[in-house]
Amino acid sequence: MQKGKVAELFAQSYYQKRGYAWIASNHRINGIEIDLIMYKGHYFLIEIKTLRKANEIHFRLSQKQIKRLLRAREIFQNSKNELVELRVLYVLPEGKTLDLGIEDHF
């Protein structure tokens, strides 16, 4: 199984254990792929990144990627007419995670 698919399954389980409902995986919004869509009181669009070391975090999302994810959130939010939160889940070695809001990347 590919590293990305393993990380997606891990992330889905991570959020479900915290009470989130799975909505979709690898969903496209106007050509922009969203790794996971979860729901817990409102929608969460989740980008998943795997890292070899924790200090790689600041290099994993480019400004172009951030703009695309923000655009996807805007489109999805307009279609649902409710709050949509954008998160990035970093999966580190040994199953450790770092769950950040997109705003933490500015």
C-alpha atoms as a PDB file:
ATOM      1  CA  MET A   1       0.000   0.000   0.000  1.00  0.00           C
ATOM      2  CA  GLN A   2       1.295   3.483  -0.884  1.00  0.00           C
ATOM      3  CA  LYS A   3       2.597   5.764   1.868  1.00  0.00           C
ATOM      4  CA  GLY A   4      -0.044   8.401   1.001  1.00  0.00           C
ATOM      5  CA  LYS A   5      -2.911   5.916   1.220  1.00  0.00           C
ATOM      6  CA  VAL A   6      -1.652   4.612   4.558  1.00  0.00           C
ATOM      7  CA  ALA A   7      -1.478   8.197   5.862  1.00  0.00           C
ATOM      8  CA  GLU A   8      -5.042   8.886   4.626  1.00  0.00           C
ATOM      9  CA  LEU A   9      -6.413   5.809   6.399  1.00  0.00           C
ATOM     10  CA  PHE A  10      -4.493   6.764   9.541  1.00  0.00           C
ATOM     11  CA  ALA A  11      -5.863  10.325   9.360  1.00  0.00           C
ATOM     12  CA  GLN A  12      -9.425   9.109   8.858  1.00  0.00           C
ATOM     13  CA  SER A  13      -9.107   6.896  11.933  1.00  0.00           C
ATOM     14  CA  TYR A  14      -7.456   9.759  13.878  1.00  0.00           C
ATOM     15  CA  TYR A  15     -10.457  12.026  13.308  1.00  0.00           C
ATOM     16  CA  GLN A  16     -13.104   9.315  13.764  1.00  0.00           C
ATOM     17  CA  LYS A  17     -11.645   8.449  17.185  1.00  0.00           C
ATOM     18  CA  ARG A  18     -12.204  12.105  18.082  1.00  0.00           C
ATOM     19  CA  GLY A  19     -15.872  12.003  17.113  1.00  0.00           C
ATOM     20  CA  TYR A  20     -15.730  13.235  13.519  1.00  0.00           C
ATOM     21  CA  ALA A  21     -17.893  11.604  10.863  1.00  0.00           C
ATOM     22  CA  TRP A  22     -16.257  10.615   7.580  1.00  0.00           C
ATOM     23  CA  ILE A  23     -17.871  12.261   4.545  1.00  0.00           C
ATOM     24  CA  ALA A  24     -15.437  11.672   1.656  1.00  0.00           C
ATOM     25  CA  SER A  25     -11.854  10.897   0.684  1.00  0.00           C
ATOM     26  CA  ASN A  26      -9.930  12.285  -2.294  1.00  0.00           C
ATOM     27  CA  HIS A  27     -12.799  14.593  -3.199  1.00  0.00           C
ATOM     28  CA  ARG A  28     -12.328  17.128  -6.006  1.00  0.00           C
ATOM     29  CA  ILE A  29     -13.650  20.666  -5.739  1.00  0.00           C
ATOM     30  CA  ASN A  30     -13.210  22.492  -9.056  1.00  0.00           C
ATOM     31  CA  GLY A  31     -10.157  20.348  -9.806  1.00  0.00           C
ATOM     32  CA  ILE A  32      -8.616  20.794  -6.342  1.00  0.00           C
ATOM     33  CA  GLU A  33      -8.229  17.493  -4.494  1.00  0.00           C
ATOM     34  CA  ILE A  34      -9.149  17.429  -0.819  1.00  0.00           C
ATOM     35  CA  ASP A  35      -7.728  14.410   1.015  1.00  0.00           C
ATOM     36  CA  LEU A  36     -10.525  14.087   3.598  1.00  0.00           C
ATOM     37  CA  ILE A  37     -13.852  15.705   4.322  1.00  0.00           C
ATOM     38  CA  MET A  38     -15.051  15.144   7.880  1.00  0.00           C
ATOM     39  CA  TYR A  39     -17.951  16.518   9.895  1.00  0.00           C
ATOM     40  CA  LYS A  40     -18.270  17.411  13.577  1.00  0.00           C
ATOM     41  CA  GLY A  41     -20.745  20.251  14.062  1.00  0.00           C
ATOM     42  CA  HIS A  42     -19.530  21.667  10.755  1.00  0.00           C
ATOM     43  CA  TYR A  43     -17.432  20.505   7.819  1.00  0.00           C
ATOM     44  CA  PHE A  44     -13.664  20.064   7.904  1.00  0.00           C
ATOM     45  CA  LEU A  45     -11.574  19.899   4.731  1.00  0.00           C
ATOM     46  CA  ILE A  46      -8.352  18.134   5.619  1.00  0.00           C
ATOM     47  CA  GLU A  47      -5.039  18.087   3.777  1.00  0.00           C
ATOM     48  CA  ILE A  48      -2.761  15.245   4.874  1.00  0.00           C
ATOM     49  CA  LYS A  49       1.014  15.463   4.745  1.00  0.00           C
ATOM     50  CA  THR A  50       3.546  12.816   5.740  1.00  0.00           C
ATOM     51  CA  LEU A  51       6.872  13.880   7.200  1.00  0.00           C
ATOM     52  CA  ARG A  52      10.110  12.120   7.976  1.00  0.00           C
ATOM     53  CA  LYS A  53      11.047  14.715  10.609  1.00  0.00           C
ATOM     54  CA  ALA A  54       9.012  17.243  12.602  1.00  0.00           C
ATOM     55  CA  ASN A  55      11.239  20.119  11.455  1.00  0.00           C
ATOM     56  CA  GLU A  56      10.018  19.663   7.835  1.00  0.00           C
ATOM     57  CA  ILE A  57       6.617  21.201   8.596  1.00  0.00           C
ATOM     58  CA  HIS A  58       7.367  24.701   7.360  1.00  0.00           C
ATOM     59  CA  PHE A  59       8.417  23.372   3.968  1.00  0.00           C
ATOM     60  CA  ARG A  60       5.428  21.160   3.209  1.00  0.00           C
ATOM     61  CA  LEU A  61       2.796  23.662   2.015  1.00  0.00           C
ATOM     62  CA  SER A  62       3.675  26.238  -0.592  1.00  0.00           C
ATOM     63  CA  GLN A  63       1.810  29.525  -0.868  1.00  0.00           C
ATOM     64  CA  LYS A  64       0.296  28.202  -4.113  1.00  0.00           C
ATOM     65  CA  GLN A  65      -1.047  25.118  -2.299  1.00  0.00           C
ATOM     66  CA  ILE A  66      -2.446  27.265   0.496  1.00  0.00           C
ATOM     67  CA  LYS A  67      -4.242  29.520  -2.008  1.00  0.00           C
ATOM     68  CA  ARG A  68      -5.741  26.490  -3.782  1.00  0.00           C
ATOM     69  CA  LEU A  69      -6.961  25.017  -0.488  1.00  0.00           C
ATOM     70  CA  LEU A  70      -8.469  28.347   0.561  1.00  0.00           C
ATOM     71  CA  ARG A  71     -10.236  28.542  -2.816  1.00  0.00           C
ATOM     72  CA  ALA A  72     -11.591  25.005  -2.384  1.00  0.00           C
ATOM     73  CA  ARG A  73     -12.875  25.915   1.085  1.00  0.00           C
ATOM     74  CA  GLU A  74     -14.609  29.014  -0.288  1.00  0.00           C
ATOM     75  CA  ILE A  75     -16.344  27.019  -3.043  1.00  0.00           C
ATOM     76  CA  PHE A  76     -17.346  24.207  -0.670  1.00  0.00           C
ATOM     77  CA  GLN A  77     -18.554  26.649   1.985  1.00  0.00           C
ATOM     78  CA  ASN A  78     -20.701  28.503  -0.551  1.00  0.00           C
ATOM     79  CA  SER A  79     -22.241  25.213  -1.701  1.00  0.00           C
ATOM     80  CA  LYS A  80     -23.084  24.126   1.863  1.00  0.00           C
ATOM     81  CA  ASN A  81     -23.947  27.557   3.261  1.00  0.00           C
ATOM     82  CA  GLU A  82     -22.309  26.724   6.584  1.00  0.00           C
ATOM     83  CA  LEU A  83     -18.937  26.980   8.288  1.00  0.00           C
ATOM     84  CA  VAL A  84     -16.123  24.972   6.727  1.00  0.00           C
ATOM     85  CA  GLU A  85     -12.785  24.681   8.513  1.00  0.00           C
ATOM     86  CA  LEU A  86      -9.568  23.891   6.683  1.00  0.00           C
ATOM     87  CA  ARG A  87      -7.018  21.746   8.561  1.00  0.00           C
ATOM     88  CA  VAL A  88      -3.655  20.186   7.777  1.00  0.00           C
ATOM     89  CA  LEU A  89      -2.796  16.931   9.511  1.00  0.00           C
ATOM     90  CA  TYR A  90       0.908  16.159   9.522  1.00  0.00           C
ATOM     91  CA  VAL A  91       1.650  12.476  10.068  1.00  0.00           C
ATOM     92  CA  LEU A  92       5.088  12.005  11.577  1.00  0.00           C
ATOM     93  CA  PRO A  93       7.088   8.827  12.129  1.00  0.00           C
ATOM     94  CA  GLU A  94       5.814   6.361  14.737  1.00  0.00           C
ATOM     95  CA  GLY A  95       2.239   7.559  14.186  1.00  0.00           C
ATOM     96  CA  LYS A  96       2.689  10.928  15.846  1.00  0.00           C
ATOM     97  CA  THR A  97       0.547  13.748  14.474  1.00  0.00           C
ATOM     98  CA  LEU A  98       0.339  17.495  14.343  1.00  0.00           C
ATOM     99  CA  ASP A  99      -3.109  18.911  13.553  1.00  0.00           C
ATOM    100  CA  LEU A 100      -2.990  22.555  12.432  1.00  0.00           C
ATOM    101  CA  GLY A 101      -5.452  25.048  11.040  1.00  0.00           C
ATOM    102  CA  ILE A 102      -4.539  26.567   7.690  1.00  0.00           C
ATOM    103  CA  GLU A 103      -4.078  29.934   9.401  1.00  0.00           C
ATOM    104  CA  ASP A 104      -1.106  28.461  11.299  1.00  0.00           C
ATOM    105  CA  HIS A 105       0.772  28.390   7.965  1.00  0.00           C
ATOM    106  CA  PHE A 106       0.890  32.159   7.450  1.00  0.00           C
END
